[in-house]
């Protein structure tokens, strides 16, 4: 039995991880500058939030899922069977799957822009975000007690969101300029 779940647990985990992200940014800021430190902490926090949203049961602790009720494969029905509404935001589950990866894609660009190798770190980071999404779906398939369903459409939507995020990150680069050290010195 998976002992935790529900929106309250998700919100608590998101808040606790936000506190840890603030602590990470404060540790990194003196040496690397506040802007880049916030980008790194934001990227870490966005990845934790994705994990929380996708791996914590949505409707409380589901209890025991019998072997007969367990799915044995992922849904390969591109575009389905996502419900019309979702339990956190109105709209479709596909929209949420897309939107949840946008911050990670944007912050990936802002973090990688600090180095000259950023031009190849961003595609590598995109591949890692796709692998993260795939890993989540495999986990949802293997751990039936999460009361989640493995769906290839989710991976497609997640990667599309990460790609949109990369575009947003590129657009933000001239404004944010994470390669510049902006720490205020006394």
C-alpha atoms as a PDB file:
ATOM      1  CA  UNK A   1       0.000   0.000   0.000  1.00  0.00           C
ATOM      2  CA  UNK A   2       1.244   3.506  -0.827  1.00  0.00           C
ATOM      3  CA  UNK A   3       0.652   5.376   2.450  1.00  0.00           C
ATOM      4  CA  UNK A   4       0.379   8.984   1.242  1.00  0.00           C
ATOM      5  CA  UNK A   5      -1.406  10.947  -1.404  1.00  0.00           C
ATOM      6  CA  UNK A   6      -3.777  13.745  -2.219  1.00  0.00           C
ATOM      7  CA  UNK A   7      -3.484  17.397  -3.110  1.00  0.00           C
ATOM      8  CA  UNK A   8      -2.598  18.388   0.462  1.00  0.00           C
ATOM      9  CA  UNK A   9       0.453  16.109   0.466  1.00  0.00           C
ATOM     10  CA  UNK A  10       1.492  17.423  -2.942  1.00  0.00           C
ATOM     11  CA  UNK A  11       1.256  21.033  -1.777  1.00  0.00           C
ATOM     12  CA  UNK A  12       3.223  20.270   1.378  1.00  0.00           C
ATOM     13  CA  UNK A  13       6.006  18.592  -0.626  1.00  0.00           C
ATOM     14  CA  UNK A  14       6.090  21.492  -3.098  1.00  0.00           C
ATOM     15  CA  UNK A  15       6.412  23.999  -0.224  1.00  0.00           C
ATOM     16  CA  UNK A  16       9.128  22.007   1.557  1.00  0.00           C
ATOM     17  CA  UNK A  17      11.078  21.638  -1.688  1.00  0.00           C
ATOM     18  CA  UNK A  18      10.688  25.393  -2.307  1.00  0.00           C
ATOM     19  CA  UNK A  19      12.360  26.038   1.035  1.00  0.00           C
ATOM     20  CA  UNK A  20      15.201  23.706   0.067  1.00  0.00           C
ATOM     21  CA  UNK A  21      15.517  25.498  -3.282  1.00  0.00           C
ATOM     22  CA  UNK A  22      15.817  28.850  -1.500  1.00  0.00           C
ATOM     23  CA  UNK A  23      18.539  27.350   0.701  1.00  0.00           C
ATOM     24  CA  UNK A  24      20.363  26.053  -2.385  1.00  0.00           C
ATOM     25  CA  UNK A  25      20.193  29.474  -4.047  1.00  0.00           C
ATOM     26  CA  UNK A  26      21.549  31.155  -0.933  1.00  0.00           C
ATOM     27  CA  UNK A  27      24.492  28.735  -0.826  1.00  0.00           C
ATOM     28  CA  UNK A  28      25.316  29.202  -4.522  1.00  0.00           C
ATOM     29  CA  UNK A  29      24.779  32.964  -4.740  1.00  0.00           C
ATOM     30  CA  UNK A  30      27.936  34.254  -3.012  1.00  0.00           C
ATOM     31  CA  UNK A  31      30.219  32.336  -5.333  1.00  0.00           C
ATOM     32  CA  UNK A  32      28.252  32.268  -8.607  1.00  0.00           C
ATOM     33  CA  UNK A  33      25.992  35.304  -8.475  1.00  0.00           C
ATOM     34  CA  UNK A  34      22.385  35.573  -7.398  1.00  0.00           C
ATOM     35  CA  UNK A  35      20.823  35.302 -10.869  1.00  0.00           C
ATOM     36  CA  UNK A  36      22.511  32.045 -11.804  1.00  0.00           C
ATOM     37  CA  UNK A  37      21.972  30.628  -8.307  1.00  0.00           C
ATOM     38  CA  UNK A  38      18.247  31.321  -8.549  1.00  0.00           C
ATOM     39  CA  UNK A  39      18.161  29.693 -11.998  1.00  0.00           C
ATOM     40  CA  UNK A  40      19.882  26.538 -10.704  1.00  0.00           C
ATOM     41  CA  UNK A  41      17.637  26.357  -7.642  1.00  0.00           C
ATOM     42  CA  UNK A  42      14.581  27.011  -9.814  1.00  0.00           C
ATOM     43  CA  UNK A  43      15.560  24.211 -12.187  1.00  0.00           C
ATOM     44  CA  UNK A  44      16.022  21.792  -9.288  1.00  0.00           C
ATOM     45  CA  UNK A  45      12.714  22.873  -7.766  1.00  0.00           C
ATOM     46  CA  UNK A  46      10.859  22.505 -11.070  1.00  0.00           C
ATOM     47  CA  UNK A  47      12.144  18.941 -11.421  1.00  0.00           C
ATOM     48  CA  UNK A  48      11.062  18.076  -7.882  1.00  0.00           C
ATOM     49  CA  UNK A  49       7.623  19.599  -8.528  1.00  0.00           C
ATOM     50  CA  UNK A  50       7.238  17.479 -11.654  1.00  0.00           C
ATOM     51  CA  UNK A  51       8.067  14.386  -9.626  1.00  0.00           C
ATOM     52  CA  UNK A  52       5.600  15.334  -6.910  1.00  0.00           C
ATOM     53  CA  UNK A  53       2.788  16.046  -9.390  1.00  0.00           C
ATOM     54  CA  UNK A  54       3.313  12.819 -11.285  1.00  0.00           C
ATOM     55  CA  UNK A  55       4.339  10.295  -8.655  1.00  0.00           C
ATOM     56  CA  UNK A  56       2.161  11.135  -5.648  1.00  0.00           C
ATOM     57  CA  UNK A  57      -1.337   9.633  -5.904  1.00  0.00           C
ATOM     58  CA  UNK A  58      -3.810  12.364  -6.808  1.00  0.00           C
ATOM     59  CA  UNK A  59      -6.781  11.258  -4.741  1.00  0.00           C
ATOM     60  CA  UNK A  60      -5.275  10.207  -1.434  1.00  0.00           C
ATOM     61  CA  UNK A  61      -3.639   6.905  -0.587  1.00  0.00           C
ATOM     62  CA  UNK A  62      -5.069   4.399  -3.092  1.00  0.00           C
ATOM     63  CA  UNK A  63      -4.558   1.368  -0.856  1.00  0.00           C
ATOM     64  CA  UNK A  64      -3.916  -1.996  -2.451  1.00  0.00           C
ATOM     65  CA  UNK A  65      -4.064  -2.457  -6.210  1.00  0.00           C
ATOM     66  CA  UNK A  66      -4.627  -6.096  -7.032  1.00  0.00           C
ATOM     67  CA  UNK A  67      -2.393  -7.850  -9.558  1.00  0.00           C
ATOM     68  CA  UNK A  68      -5.426  -8.361 -11.786  1.00  0.00           C
ATOM     69  CA  UNK A  69      -6.169  -4.620 -11.773  1.00  0.00           C
ATOM     70  CA  UNK A  70      -2.614  -3.606 -12.625  1.00  0.00           C
ATOM     71  CA  UNK A  71      -1.863  -2.399 -16.141  1.00  0.00           C
ATOM     72  CA  UNK A  72       0.807  -4.426 -17.903  1.00  0.00           C
ATOM     73  CA  UNK A  73       1.764  -1.926 -20.604  1.00  0.00           C
ATOM     74  CA  UNK A  74       1.700   1.753 -21.433  1.00  0.00           C
ATOM     75  CA  UNK A  75      -1.060   3.256 -23.512  1.00  0.00           C
ATOM     76  CA  UNK A  76       0.228   3.919 -27.015  1.00  0.00           C
ATOM     77  CA  UNK A  77      -2.984   5.728 -27.974  1.00  0.00           C
ATOM     78  CA  UNK A  78      -1.508   9.114 -28.878  1.00  0.00           C
ATOM     79  CA  UNK A  79      -3.939  11.796 -27.756  1.00  0.00           C
ATOM     80  CA  UNK A  80      -5.961   9.593 -25.431  1.00  0.00           C
ATOM     81  CA  UNK A  81      -7.256   8.456 -22.941  1.00  0.00           C
ATOM     82  CA  UNK A  82      -6.653  11.707 -21.028  1.00  0.00           C
ATOM     83  CA  UNK A  83      -9.788  13.036 -19.338  1.00  0.00           C
ATOM     84  CA  UNK A  84     -11.341  16.359 -20.292  1.00  0.00           C
ATOM     85  CA  UNK A  85     -10.721  17.882 -16.888  1.00  0.00           C
ATOM     86  CA  UNK A  86      -7.983  17.522 -14.348  1.00  0.00           C
ATOM     87  CA  UNK A  87      -8.055  17.709 -10.583  1.00  0.00           C
ATOM     88  CA  UNK A  88      -5.753  20.736 -10.202  1.00  0.00           C
ATOM     89  CA  UNK A  89      -6.381  23.000 -13.181  1.00  0.00           C
ATOM     90  CA  UNK A  90      -9.349  23.240 -15.498  1.00  0.00           C
ATOM     91  CA  UNK A  91      -8.665  22.275 -19.080  1.00  0.00           C
ATOM     92  CA  UNK A  92      -7.136  19.086 -20.262  1.00  0.00           C
ATOM     93  CA  UNK A  93      -4.564  16.830 -18.708  1.00  0.00           C
ATOM     94  CA  UNK A  94      -2.552  17.175 -21.908  1.00  0.00           C
ATOM     95  CA  UNK A  95      -2.262  20.928 -21.392  1.00  0.00           C
ATOM     96  CA  UNK A  96      -1.022  20.389 -17.830  1.00  0.00           C
ATOM     97  CA  UNK A  97       1.500  17.799 -19.059  1.00  0.00           C
ATOM     98  CA  UNK A  98       2.818  20.377 -21.526  1.00  0.00           C
ATOM     99  CA  UNK A  99       2.847  23.339 -19.128  1.00  0.00           C
ATOM    100  CA  UNK A 100       4.565  21.515 -16.253  1.00  0.00           C
ATOM    101  CA  UNK A 101       7.772  21.039 -18.290  1.00  0.00           C
ATOM    102  CA  UNK A 102       8.000  24.617 -19.654  1.00  0.00           C
ATOM    103  CA  UNK A 103       9.806  26.046 -16.584  1.00  0.00           C
ATOM    104  CA  UNK A 104      12.374  23.237 -16.652  1.00  0.00           C
ATOM    105  CA  UNK A 105      13.148  23.895 -20.316  1.00  0.00           C
ATOM    106  CA  UNK A 106      13.475  27.644 -19.788  1.00  0.00           C
ATOM    107  CA  UNK A 107      15.637  27.304 -16.687  1.00  0.00           C
ATOM    108  CA  UNK A 108      17.792  24.717 -18.443  1.00  0.00           C
ATOM    109  CA  UNK A 109      18.766  27.362 -21.003  1.00  0.00           C
ATOM    110  CA  UNK A 110      19.416  29.981 -18.336  1.00  0.00           C
ATOM    111  CA  UNK A 111      21.623  27.589 -16.368  1.00  0.00           C
ATOM    112  CA  UNK A 112      23.542  26.303 -19.408  1.00  0.00           C
ATOM    113  CA  UNK A 113      24.109  29.806 -20.826  1.00  0.00           C
ATOM    114  CA  UNK A 114      26.771  30.417 -18.208  1.00  0.00           C
ATOM    115  CA  UNK A 115      29.210  28.198 -20.089  1.00  0.00           C
ATOM    116  CA  UNK A 116      30.530  28.289 -23.637  1.00  0.00           C
ATOM    117  CA  UNK A 117      29.491  24.661 -23.967  1.00  0.00           C
ATOM    118  CA  UNK A 118      25.873  25.734 -23.480  1.00  0.00           C
ATOM    119  CA  UNK A 119      25.158  25.178 -27.177  1.00  0.00           C
ATOM    120  CA  UNK A 120      25.486  21.427 -26.635  1.00  0.00           C
ATOM    121  CA  UNK A 121      24.417  21.333 -22.984  1.00  0.00           C
ATOM    122  CA  UNK A 122      20.898  22.470 -23.891  1.00  0.00           C
ATOM    123  CA  UNK A 123      20.215  19.581 -26.332  1.00  0.00           C
ATOM    124  CA  UNK A 124      21.739  17.185 -23.799  1.00  0.00           C
ATOM    125  CA  UNK A 125      19.512  18.685 -21.097  1.00  0.00           C
ATOM    126  CA  UNK A 126      16.473  18.287 -23.363  1.00  0.00           C
ATOM    127  CA  UNK A 127      17.347  14.629 -23.832  1.00  0.00           C
ATOM    128  CA  UNK A 128      17.642  14.271 -20.047  1.00  0.00           C
ATOM    129  CA  UNK A 129      14.244  15.950 -19.562  1.00  0.00           C
ATOM    130  CA  UNK A 130      12.763  13.489 -22.067  1.00  0.00           C
ATOM    131  CA  UNK A 131      14.408  10.615 -20.179  1.00  0.00           C
ATOM    132  CA  UNK A 132      13.000  12.002 -16.907  1.00  0.00           C
ATOM    133  CA  UNK A 133       9.516  12.034 -18.410  1.00  0.00           C
ATOM    134  CA  UNK A 134       9.951   8.491 -19.710  1.00  0.00           C
ATOM    135  CA  UNK A 135      11.254   7.370 -16.319  1.00  0.00           C
ATOM    136  CA  UNK A 136       8.174   8.815 -14.645  1.00  0.00           C
ATOM    137  CA  UNK A 137       5.887   6.917 -17.016  1.00  0.00           C
ATOM    138  CA  UNK A 138       7.767   3.657 -16.440  1.00  0.00           C
ATOM    139  CA  UNK A 139       7.550   4.227 -12.684  1.00  0.00           C
ATOM    140  CA  UNK A 140       3.814   4.823 -12.996  1.00  0.00           C
ATOM    141  CA  UNK A 141       3.494   1.549 -14.891  1.00  0.00           C
ATOM    142  CA  UNK A 142       5.614  -0.513 -12.524  1.00  0.00           C
ATOM    143  CA  UNK A 143       4.244   0.902  -9.264  1.00  0.00           C
ATOM    144  CA  UNK A 144       0.535   0.214  -9.625  1.00  0.00           C
ATOM    145  CA  UNK A 145       0.020   1.449  -6.067  1.00  0.00           C
ATOM    146  CA  UNK A 146       0.563   5.013  -7.247  1.00  0.00           C
ATOM    147  CA  UNK A 147      -2.827   4.758  -8.954  1.00  0.00           C
ATOM    148  CA  UNK A 148      -1.403   6.417 -12.075  1.00  0.00           C
ATOM    149  CA  UNK A 149      -1.433   5.304 -15.696  1.00  0.00           C
ATOM    150  CA  UNK A 150       1.503   5.058 -18.077  1.00  0.00           C
ATOM    151  CA  UNK A 151       0.753   6.925 -21.305  1.00  0.00           C
ATOM    152  CA  UNK A 152       3.114   7.693 -24.183  1.00  0.00           C
ATOM    153  CA  UNK A 153       1.079  10.841 -24.894  1.00  0.00           C
ATOM    154  CA  UNK A 154       2.356  12.237 -21.589  1.00  0.00           C
ATOM    155  CA  UNK A 155       5.964  11.870 -22.769  1.00  0.00           C
ATOM    156  CA  UNK A 156       5.129  13.622 -26.054  1.00  0.00           C
ATOM    157  CA  UNK A 157       3.401  16.470 -24.219  1.00  0.00           C
ATOM    158  CA  UNK A 158       6.202  16.757 -21.637  1.00  0.00           C
ATOM    159  CA  UNK A 159       8.902  16.970 -24.305  1.00  0.00           C
ATOM    160  CA  UNK A 160       6.850  19.521 -26.260  1.00  0.00           C
ATOM    161  CA  UNK A 161       6.602  21.608 -23.082  1.00  0.00           C
ATOM    162  CA  UNK A 162      10.353  21.352 -22.515  1.00  0.00           C
ATOM    163  CA  UNK A 163      11.002  22.475 -26.105  1.00  0.00           C
ATOM    164  CA  UNK A 164       8.643  25.440 -25.657  1.00  0.00           C
ATOM    165  CA  UNK A 165      10.480  26.210 -22.420  1.00  0.00           C
ATOM    166  CA  UNK A 166      13.821  26.193 -24.236  1.00  0.00           C
ATOM    167  CA  UNK A 167      12.405  28.739 -26.680  1.00  0.00           C
ATOM    168  CA  UNK A 168      11.224  30.855 -23.759  1.00  0.00           C
ATOM    169  CA  UNK A 169      14.634  30.538 -22.113  1.00  0.00           C
ATOM    170  CA  UNK A 170      16.377  31.713 -25.287  1.00  0.00           C
ATOM    171  CA  UNK A 171      14.016  34.702 -25.418  1.00  0.00           C
ATOM    172  CA  UNK A 172      14.790  35.515 -21.763  1.00  0.00           C
ATOM    173  CA  UNK A 173      18.583  35.301 -22.119  1.00  0.00           C
ATOM    174  CA  UNK A 174      19.110  38.964 -23.084  1.00  0.00           C
ATOM    175  CA  UNK A 175      17.037  40.087 -20.093  1.00  0.00           C
ATOM    176  CA  UNK A 176      18.327  37.696 -17.440  1.00  0.00           C
ATOM    177  CA  UNK A 177      21.970  37.339 -18.562  1.00  0.00           C
ATOM    178  CA  UNK A 178      22.828  34.567 -16.080  1.00  0.00           C
ATOM    179  CA  UNK A 179      26.482  34.573 -17.114  1.00  0.00           C
ATOM    180  CA  UNK A 180      27.023  37.911 -15.369  1.00  0.00           C
ATOM    181  CA  UNK A 181      27.820  37.933 -11.719  1.00  0.00           C
ATOM    182  CA  UNK A 182      25.354  40.253 -10.014  1.00  0.00           C
ATOM    183  CA  UNK A 183      26.099  39.656  -6.366  1.00  0.00           C
ATOM    184  CA  UNK A 184      25.946  42.771  -4.277  1.00  0.00           C
ATOM    185  CA  UNK A 185      29.184  43.213  -2.363  1.00  0.00           C
ATOM    186  CA  UNK A 186      29.232  45.214   0.896  1.00  0.00           C
END
